[in-house]
Amino acid sequence: MAEVKVYSTPTCPYCKLVKQFLEENQVAFSEVDVSTSQMAAEEMIAKSGQLGVPVIEIDGQVIVGFDKARIRQILNI
């Protein structure tokens, strides 16, 4: 099973869509709220080069934004 991490904030609509999509496809993931942790935000920026959310990391591969096709491709769903 792939290791999936979603960097998000509570108010981000695309973050909610990503998490809903993963849940619907029965993909386990961990969520990192970058609005409450400066360290998590810095980790996300270092990995993606982006300040915006969502950022999804799947087995070390970083996806910026809700790119459903790319998520499907990496997870093979």
PDB file of N, CA and C in Angstrom:
ATOM      1  N   MET A   1       0.843  -1.180   0.000  1.00  0.00           N
ATOM      2  CA  MET A   1       0.000   0.000   0.000  1.00  0.00           C
ATOM      3  C   MET A   1       0.888   1.243   0.000  1.00  0.00           C
ATOM      4  N   ALA A   2       0.491   2.212  -0.776  1.00  0.00           N
ATOM      5  CA  ALA A   2       1.258   3.449  -0.906  1.00  0.00           C
ATOM      6  C   ALA A   2       1.146   4.286   0.364  1.00  0.00           C
ATOM      7  N   GLU A   3       2.211   5.007   0.650  1.00  0.00           N
ATOM      8  CA  GLU A   3       2.179   5.964   1.752  1.00  0.00           C
ATOM      9  C   GLU A   3       1.752   7.307   1.188  1.00  0.00           C
ATOM     10  N   VAL A   4       0.615   7.801   1.654  1.00  0.00           N
ATOM     11  CA  VAL A   4       0.031   9.030   1.125  1.00  0.00           C
ATOM     12  C   VAL A   4      -0.078  10.067   2.241  1.00  0.00           C
ATOM     13  N   LYS A   5       0.416  11.264   1.946  1.00  0.00           N
ATOM     14  CA  LYS A   5       0.346  12.372   2.901  1.00  0.00           C
ATOM     15  C   LYS A   5      -0.276  13.565   2.187  1.00  0.00           C
ATOM     16  N   VAL A   6      -1.262  14.179   2.837  1.00  0.00           N
ATOM     17  CA  VAL A   6      -1.935  15.346   2.271  1.00  0.00           C
ATOM     18  C   VAL A   6      -1.628  16.550   3.151  1.00  0.00           C
ATOM     19  N   TYR A   7      -0.945  17.527   2.573  1.00  0.00           N
ATOM     20  CA  TYR A   7      -0.697  18.795   3.262  1.00  0.00           C
ATOM     21  C   TYR A   7      -1.885  19.689   2.939  1.00  0.00           C
ATOM     22  N   SER A   8      -2.547  20.191   3.979  1.00  0.00           N
ATOM     23  CA  SER A   8      -3.780  20.931   3.750  1.00  0.00           C
ATOM     24  C   SER A   8      -4.011  21.966   4.836  1.00  0.00           C
ATOM     25  N   THR A   9      -5.117  22.702   4.677  1.00  0.00           N
ATOM     26  CA  THR A   9      -5.620  23.607   5.707  1.00  0.00           C
ATOM     27  C   THR A   9      -7.122  23.337   5.840  1.00  0.00           C
ATOM     28  N   PRO A  10      -7.703  23.672   6.978  1.00  0.00           N
ATOM     29  CA  PRO A  10      -9.131  23.405   7.178  1.00  0.00           C
ATOM     30  C   PRO A  10     -10.062  24.166   6.232  1.00  0.00           C
ATOM     31  N   THR A  11      -9.608  25.308   5.715  1.00  0.00           N
ATOM     32  CA  THR A  11     -10.484  26.144   4.893  1.00  0.00           C
ATOM     33  C   THR A  11     -10.308  25.937   3.395  1.00  0.00           C
ATOM     34  N   CYS A  12      -9.425  25.065   2.991  1.00  0.00           N
ATOM     35  CA  CYS A  12      -9.105  24.857   1.575  1.00  0.00           C
ATOM     36  C   CYS A  12     -10.127  23.919   0.918  1.00  0.00           C
ATOM     37  N   PRO A  13     -10.914  24.420  -0.048  1.00  0.00           N
ATOM     38  CA  PRO A  13     -11.913  23.557  -0.685  1.00  0.00           C
ATOM     39  C   PRO A  13     -11.293  22.417  -1.502  1.00  0.00           C
ATOM     40  N   TYR A  14     -10.164  22.658  -2.155  1.00  0.00           N
ATOM     41  CA  TYR A  14      -9.533  21.599  -2.944  1.00  0.00           C
ATOM     42  C   TYR A  14      -8.930  20.520  -2.047  1.00  0.00           C
ATOM     43  N   CYS A  15      -8.505  20.931  -0.856  1.00  0.00           N
ATOM     44  CA  CYS A  15      -8.002  19.952   0.116  1.00  0.00           C
ATOM     45  C   CYS A  15      -9.119  18.989   0.496  1.00  0.00           C
ATOM     46  N   LYS A  16     -10.300  19.526   0.722  1.00  0.00           N
ATOM     47  CA  LYS A  16     -11.457  18.700   1.067  1.00  0.00           C
ATOM     48  C   LYS A  16     -11.779  17.735  -0.067  1.00  0.00           C
ATOM     49  N   LEU A  17     -11.680  18.219  -1.303  1.00  0.00           N
ATOM     50  CA  LEU A  17     -11.954  17.359  -2.461  1.00  0.00           C
ATOM     51  C   LEU A  17     -10.931  16.232  -2.572  1.00  0.00           C
ATOM     52  N   VAL A  18      -9.672  16.538  -2.331  1.00  0.00           N
ATOM     53  CA  VAL A  18      -8.619  15.517  -2.377  1.00  0.00           C
ATOM     54  C   VAL A  18      -8.896  14.433  -1.342  1.00  0.00           C
ATOM     55  N   LYS A  19      -9.175  14.838  -0.113  1.00  0.00           N
ATOM     56  CA  LYS A  19      -9.426  13.876   0.961  1.00  0.00           C
ATOM     57  C   LYS A  19     -10.672  13.043   0.681  1.00  0.00           C
ATOM     58  N   GLN A  20     -11.706  13.689   0.154  1.00  0.00           N
ATOM     59  CA  GLN A  20     -12.931  12.958  -0.206  1.00  0.00           C
ATOM     60  C   GLN A  20     -12.636  11.940  -1.307  1.00  0.00           C
ATOM     61  N   PHE A  21     -11.871  12.338  -2.317  1.00  0.00           N
ATOM     62  CA  PHE A  21     -11.502  11.449  -3.415  1.00  0.00           C
ATOM     63  C   PHE A  21     -10.729  10.235  -2.898  1.00  0.00           C
ATOM     64  N   LEU A  22      -9.767  10.478  -2.014  1.00  0.00           N
ATOM     65  CA  LEU A  22      -8.980   9.374  -1.457  1.00  0.00           C
ATOM     66  C   LEU A  22      -9.863   8.439  -0.633  1.00  0.00           C
ATOM     67  N   GLU A  23     -10.741   9.003   0.182  1.00  0.00           N
ATOM     68  CA  GLU A  23     -11.642   8.183   0.996  1.00  0.00           C
ATOM     69  C   GLU A  23     -12.562   7.343   0.120  1.00  0.00           C
ATOM     70  N   GLU A  24     -13.114   7.956  -0.937  1.00  0.00           N
ATOM     71  CA  GLU A  24     -14.012   7.231  -1.846  1.00  0.00           C
ATOM     72  C   GLU A  24     -13.304   6.059  -2.519  1.00  0.00           C
ATOM     73  N   ASN A  25     -12.004   6.199  -2.726  1.00  0.00           N
ATOM     74  CA  ASN A  25     -11.218   5.150  -3.370  1.00  0.00           C
ATOM     75  C   ASN A  25     -10.504   4.270  -2.352  1.00  0.00           C
ATOM     76  N   GLN A  26     -10.890   4.406  -1.090  1.00  0.00           N
ATOM     77  CA  GLN A  26     -10.371   3.591   0.008  1.00  0.00           C
ATOM     78  C   GLN A  26      -8.838   3.624   0.092  1.00  0.00           C
ATOM     79  N   VAL A  27      -8.309   4.836  -0.056  1.00  0.00           N
ATOM     80  CA  VAL A  27      -6.864   5.051   0.046  1.00  0.00           C
ATOM     81  C   VAL A  27      -6.577   5.665   1.414  1.00  0.00           C
ATOM     82  N   ALA A  28      -5.808   4.966   2.215  1.00  0.00           N
ATOM     83  CA  ALA A  28      -5.424   5.492   3.526  1.00  0.00           C
ATOM     84  C   ALA A  28      -4.427   6.629   3.335  1.00  0.00           C
ATOM     85  N   PHE A  29      -4.575   7.673   4.145  1.00  0.00           N
ATOM     86  CA  PHE A  29      -3.665   8.808   4.046  1.00  0.00           C
ATOM     87  C   PHE A  29      -3.522   9.463   5.408  1.00  0.00           C
ATOM     88  N   SER A  30      -2.408  10.182   5.555  1.00  0.00           N
ATOM     89  CA  SER A  30      -2.244  11.012   6.740  1.00  0.00           C
ATOM     90  C   SER A  30      -2.406  12.455   6.293  1.00  0.00           C
ATOM     91  N   GLU A  31      -2.967  13.246   7.186  1.00  0.00           N
ATOM     92  CA  GLU A  31      -3.215  14.649   6.880  1.00  0.00           C
ATOM     93  C   GLU A  31      -2.303  15.519   7.726  1.00  0.00           C
ATOM     94  N   VAL A  32      -1.724  16.524   7.088  1.00  0.00           N
ATOM     95  CA  VAL A  32      -0.851  17.467   7.790  1.00  0.00           C
ATOM     96  C   VAL A  32      -1.456  18.858   7.620  1.00  0.00           C
ATOM     97  N   ASP A  33      -1.890  19.438   8.724  1.00  0.00           N
ATOM     98  CA  ASP A  33      -2.488  20.773   8.713  1.00  0.00           C
ATOM     99  C   ASP A  33      -1.367  21.809   8.805  1.00  0.00           C
ATOM    100  N   VAL A  34      -1.056  22.426   7.679  1.00  0.00           N
ATOM    101  CA  VAL A  34       0.055  23.381   7.644  1.00  0.00           C
ATOM    102  C   VAL A  34      -0.313  24.731   8.245  1.00  0.00           C
ATOM    103  N   SER A  35      -1.607  24.926   8.555  1.00  0.00           N
ATOM    104  CA  SER A  35      -2.012  26.191   9.173  1.00  0.00           C
ATOM    105  C   SER A  35      -1.691  26.223  10.665  1.00  0.00           C
ATOM    106  N   THR A  36      -1.420  25.065  11.251  1.00  0.00           N
ATOM    107  CA  THR A  36      -1.151  25.010  12.690  1.00  0.00           C
ATOM    108  C   THR A  36       0.290  24.632  13.011  1.00  0.00           C
ATOM    109  N   SER A  37       1.080  24.346  11.991  1.00  0.00           N
ATOM    110  CA  SER A  37       2.459  23.931  12.241  1.00  0.00           C
ATOM    111  C   SER A  37       3.407  24.579  11.241  1.00  0.00           C
ATOM    112  N   GLN A  38       4.231  25.483  11.736  1.00  0.00           N
ATOM    113  CA  GLN A  38       5.220  26.141  10.875  1.00  0.00           C
ATOM    114  C   GLN A  38       6.207  25.113  10.327  1.00  0.00           C
ATOM    115  N   MET A  39       6.559  24.124  11.150  1.00  0.00           N
ATOM    116  CA  MET A  39       7.491  23.089  10.711  1.00  0.00           C
ATOM    117  C   MET A  39       6.900  22.286   9.544  1.00  0.00           C
ATOM    118  N   ALA A  40       5.614  21.957   9.633  1.00  0.00           N
ATOM    119  CA  ALA A  40       4.951  21.219   8.556  1.00  0.00           C
ATOM    120  C   ALA A  40       4.875  22.066   7.290  1.00  0.00           C
ATOM    121  N   ALA A  41       4.588  23.344   7.455  1.00  0.00           N
ATOM    122  CA  ALA A  41       4.526  24.249   6.298  1.00  0.00           C
ATOM    123  C   ALA A  41       5.887  24.329   5.609  1.00  0.00           C
ATOM    124  N   GLU A  42       6.945  24.431   6.396  1.00  0.00           N
ATOM    125  CA  GLU A  42       8.293  24.493   5.827  1.00  0.00           C
ATOM    126  C   GLU A  42       8.657  23.184   5.136  1.00  0.00           C
ATOM    127  N   GLU A  43       8.231  22.065   5.706  1.00  0.00           N
ATOM    128  CA  GLU A  43       8.463  20.751   5.082  1.00  0.00           C
ATOM    129  C   GLU A  43       7.769  20.683   3.725  1.00  0.00           C
ATOM    130  N   MET A  44       6.504  21.138   3.678  1.00  0.00           N
ATOM    131  CA  MET A  44       5.745  21.134   2.433  1.00  0.00           C
ATOM    132  C   MET A  44       6.419  22.005   1.371  1.00  0.00           C
ATOM    133  N   ILE A  45       6.854  23.187   1.770  1.00  0.00           N
ATOM    134  CA  ILE A  45       7.500  24.111   0.829  1.00  0.00           C
ATOM    135  C   ILE A  45       8.808  23.516   0.319  1.00  0.00           C
ATOM    136  N   ALA A  46       9.570  22.893   1.195  1.00  0.00           N
ATOM    137  CA  ALA A  46      10.840  22.275   0.796  1.00  0.00           C
ATOM    138  C   ALA A  46      10.613  21.156  -0.213  1.00  0.00           C
ATOM    139  N   LYS A  47       9.556  20.386  -0.035  1.00  0.00           N
ATOM    140  CA  LYS A  47       9.273  19.264  -0.935  1.00  0.00           C
ATOM    141  C   LYS A  47       8.681  19.705  -2.258  1.00  0.00           C
ATOM    142  N   SER A  48       7.819  20.744  -2.219  1.00  0.00           N
ATOM    143  CA  SER A  48       7.058  21.103  -3.414  1.00  0.00           C
ATOM    144  C   SER A  48       7.471  22.415  -4.060  1.00  0.00           C
ATOM    145  N   GLY A  49       8.117  23.284  -3.288  1.00  0.00           N
ATOM    146  CA  GLY A  49       8.422  24.619  -3.794  1.00  0.00           C
ATOM    147  C   GLY A  49       7.198  25.519  -3.818  1.00  0.00           C
ATOM    148  N   GLN A  50       6.098  25.060  -3.213  1.00  0.00           N
ATOM    149  CA  GLN A  50       4.830  25.789  -3.259  1.00  0.00           C
ATOM    150  C   GLN A  50       4.402  26.242  -1.873  1.00  0.00           C
ATOM    151  N   LEU A  51       3.721  27.386  -1.830  1.00  0.00           N
ATOM    152  CA  LEU A  51       3.142  27.880  -0.589  1.00  0.00           C
ATOM    153  C   LEU A  51       1.687  27.442  -0.452  1.00  0.00           C
ATOM    154  N   GLY A  52       1.050  27.134  -1.588  1.00  0.00           N
ATOM    155  CA  GLY A  52      -0.374  26.806  -1.588  1.00  0.00           C
ATOM    156  C   GLY A  52      -0.641  25.335  -1.343  1.00  0.00           C
ATOM    157  N   VAL A  53      -1.846  25.071  -0.886  1.00  0.00           N
ATOM    158  CA  VAL A  53      -2.309  23.703  -0.652  1.00  0.00           C
ATOM    159  C   VAL A  53      -3.455  23.387  -1.613  1.00  0.00           C
ATOM    160  N   PRO A  54      -3.766  22.169  -1.867  1.00  0.00           N
ATOM    161  CA  PRO A  54      -3.157  20.979  -1.303  1.00  0.00           C
ATOM    162  C   PRO A  54      -1.859  20.584  -2.008  1.00  0.00           C
ATOM    163  N   VAL A  55      -1.019  19.929  -1.233  1.00  0.00           N
ATOM    164  CA  VAL A  55       0.156  19.249  -1.766  1.00  0.00           C
ATOM    165  C   VAL A  55       0.019  17.807  -1.301  1.00  0.00           C
ATOM    166  N   ILE A  56       0.110  16.883  -2.244  1.00  0.00           N
ATOM    167  CA  ILE A  56      -0.046  15.471  -1.934  1.00  0.00           C
ATOM    168  C   ILE A  56       1.289  14.789  -2.205  1.00  0.00           C
ATOM    169  N   GLU A  57       1.722  13.972  -1.253  1.00  0.00           N
ATOM    170  CA  GLU A  57       2.936  13.192  -1.433  1.00  0.00           C
ATOM    171  C   GLU A  57       2.557  11.712  -1.405  1.00  0.00           C
ATOM    172  N   ILE A  58       2.883  11.014  -2.482  1.00  0.00           N
ATOM    173  CA  ILE A  58       2.575   9.589  -2.593  1.00  0.00           C
ATOM    174  C   ILE A  58       3.887   8.855  -2.838  1.00  0.00           C
ATOM    175  N   ASP A  59       4.318   8.091  -1.849  1.00  0.00           N
ATOM    176  CA  ASP A  59       5.579   7.346  -1.938  1.00  0.00           C
ATOM    177  C   ASP A  59       6.723   8.221  -2.450  1.00  0.00           C
ATOM    178  N   GLY A  60       6.799   9.448  -1.922  1.00  0.00           N
ATOM    179  CA  GLY A  60       7.887  10.351  -2.280  1.00  0.00           C
ATOM    180  C   GLY A  60       7.645  11.200  -3.512  1.00  0.00           C
ATOM    181  N   GLN A  61       6.581  10.928  -4.259  1.00  0.00           N
ATOM    182  CA  GLN A  61       6.252  11.737  -5.427  1.00  0.00           C
ATOM    183  C   GLN A  61       5.301  12.849  -5.002  1.00  0.00           C
ATOM    184  N   VAL A  62       5.612  14.079  -5.385  1.00  0.00           N
ATOM    185  CA  VAL A  62       4.850  15.246  -4.941  1.00  0.00           C
ATOM    186  C   VAL A  62       3.922  15.729  -6.057  1.00  0.00           C
ATOM    187  N   ILE A  63       2.671  15.948  -5.676  1.00  0.00           N
ATOM    188  CA  ILE A  63       1.661  16.492  -6.588  1.00  0.00           C
ATOM    189  C   ILE A  63       1.161  17.781  -5.971  1.00  0.00           C
ATOM    190  N   VAL A  64       1.191  18.859  -6.748  1.00  0.00           N
ATOM    191  CA  VAL A  64       0.697  20.145  -6.282  1.00  0.00           C
ATOM    192  C   VAL A  64      -0.701  20.344  -6.847  1.00  0.00           C
ATOM    193  N   GLY A  65      -1.649  20.604  -5.966  1.00  0.00           N
ATOM    194  CA  GLY A  65      -3.034  20.789  -6.388  1.00  0.00           C
ATOM    195  C   GLY A  65      -3.751  19.457  -6.509  1.00  0.00           C
ATOM    196  N   PHE A  66      -5.041  19.538  -6.798  1.00  0.00           N
ATOM    197  CA  PHE A  66      -5.864  18.341  -6.910  1.00  0.00           C
ATOM    198  C   PHE A  66      -5.824  17.846  -8.355  1.00  0.00           C
ATOM    199  N   ASP A  67      -4.764  17.122  -8.688  1.00  0.00           N
ATOM    200  CA  ASP A  67      -4.575  16.549 -10.017  1.00  0.00           C
ATOM    201  C   ASP A  67      -5.046  15.093  -9.972  1.00  0.00           C
ATOM    202  N   LYS A  68      -6.353  14.928 -10.184  1.00  0.00           N
ATOM    203  CA  LYS A  68      -6.971  13.611 -10.042  1.00  0.00           C
ATOM    204  C   LYS A  68      -6.331  12.576 -10.962  1.00  0.00           C
ATOM    205  N   ALA A  69      -6.034  12.951 -12.183  1.00  0.00           N
ATOM    206  CA  ALA A  69      -5.437  12.009 -13.140  1.00  0.00           C
ATOM    207  C   ALA A  69      -4.066  11.533 -12.654  1.00  0.00           C
ATOM    208  N   ARG A  70      -3.267  12.451 -12.145  1.00  0.00           N
ATOM    209  CA  ARG A  70      -1.921  12.087 -11.651  1.00  0.00           C
ATOM    210  C   ARG A  70      -2.020  11.205 -10.406  1.00  0.00           C
ATOM    211  N   ILE A  71      -2.952  11.533  -9.524  1.00  0.00           N
ATOM    212  CA  ILE A  71      -3.150  10.719  -8.317  1.00  0.00           C
ATOM    213  C   ILE A  71      -3.561   9.305  -8.719  1.00  0.00           C
ATOM    214  N   ARG A  72      -4.503   9.208  -9.644  1.00  0.00           N
ATOM    215  CA  ARG A  72      -4.944   7.891 -10.132  1.00  0.00           C
ATOM    216  C   ARG A  72      -3.772   7.117 -10.738  1.00  0.00           C
ATOM    217  N   GLN A  73      -2.959   7.801 -11.513  1.00  0.00           N
ATOM    218  CA  GLN A  73      -1.828   7.155 -12.182  1.00  0.00           C
ATOM    219  C   GLN A  73      -0.832   6.599 -11.164  1.00  0.00           C
ATOM    220  N   ILE A  74      -0.468   7.397 -10.182  1.00  0.00           N
ATOM    221  CA  ILE A  74       0.520   6.951  -9.196  1.00  0.00           C
ATOM    222  C   ILE A  74      -0.035   5.824  -8.335  1.00  0.00           C
ATOM    223  N   LEU A  75      -1.307   5.934  -7.941  1.00  0.00           N
ATOM    224  CA  LEU A  75      -1.918   4.918  -7.089  1.00  0.00           C
ATOM    225  C   LEU A  75      -2.464   3.726  -7.858  1.00  0.00           C
ATOM    226  N   ASN A  76      -2.489   3.866  -9.187  1.00  0.00           N
ATOM    227  CA  ASN A  76      -3.019   2.804 -10.049  1.00  0.00           C
ATOM    228  C   ASN A  76      -4.473   2.468  -9.699  1.00  0.00           C
ATOM    229  N   ILE A  77      -5.296   3.527  -9.616  1.00  0.00           N
ATOM    230  CA  ILE A  77      -6.717   3.349  -9.333  1.00  0.00           C
ATOM    231  C   ILE A  77      -7.570   3.942 -10.443  1.00  0.00           C
TER     232      ILE A  77
END
